[in-house]
């Protein structure tokens, strides 16, 4: 029996995924067209945290839900929990998508759908499939007729180009502040920290969720304001401040189970959040300063670029703190 609600009235109301389309309503229109005329392969690509996986799941609900993706029936709930029998989501075993990971989902992909419609296979972060891409490519070149593959990627380049060329491609831009605030409403976490969370999230759903669930992270972001507000700016005081800002709290409670590479990425991301949060406050003239704001913003921009080039977190933070304080 298809896991759907028998009470259609309970399926009425606001789309629980509405935040994905704030300022990006054209994406909803595209998904509706896709659901009406299905292809076998799709690829959502865009920056981290822009909602690519969420959009992939939304498309899955539109295909599998008897009401076209209501978000509330038994089918939609089973999809949101990762329990629907006709939906397979690849969960990679390490830092990269390995051949065994791909083979595992391909075993599901060739099975006949349980409910007579379509089977969906979602493979997030396909750009991490450097070694397993050829194995996957063989299947999507001649996919099972009832199987739909949905990929997500940060960019269409390098090893994934052969896979991407066989997909309908959907570019997903970064979310607006209004969309992030709408997302926080769905989490039920609007409070006096909302504006801080929205501004620090820099359009990333994963950042917004982590910040809303971890008050220590919000406190950490506010410590960045001390770079321009605190005195005295002696070398000793600045070194102490840089050390404090380098010791960022974990992005999530799952930190202990993450790989070293993922922990390093989380650490970089949180420091980058702090730099961007301070830059936004400076841009809005919310902070009292005795120096040129543009020079301070330039210093923060240099520090952010250093982080994105995988420079040591400690060095990038020290560069930002000393560059601004000594203006």
Foldseek 3Di string as FASTA:
>chain_A
DQQWDPDVVQLDDDQLLVLLCVVNVVLVVVLVVCLVPPDAEAEEAAAAQLCQVVSVLQSVLLNRPPVRRSCGIRNNVCSVVVNQLQEAEQDAPAPARDQVSVVVVVVSQQDQDPVNAAHEYEYEANVRHQPNQVVNLVQLVPDDPRYHYYYYHHDQDDPCVSVNVSHHYHYRYAGALVSLLVNVVSVVQDDPCSVVLSQLCRRGNLSSVLCSVDVQLSVLLVLLLCLFVPDDPDPVVLLVSLVSNQPHDASDPCLVVHDPVVRLVRSLSSSLSSLSSNLVCLVVVVDDHDDDSVQLNVQSVVLNVCSVVVHDSSVSSSSSSCSVSVD
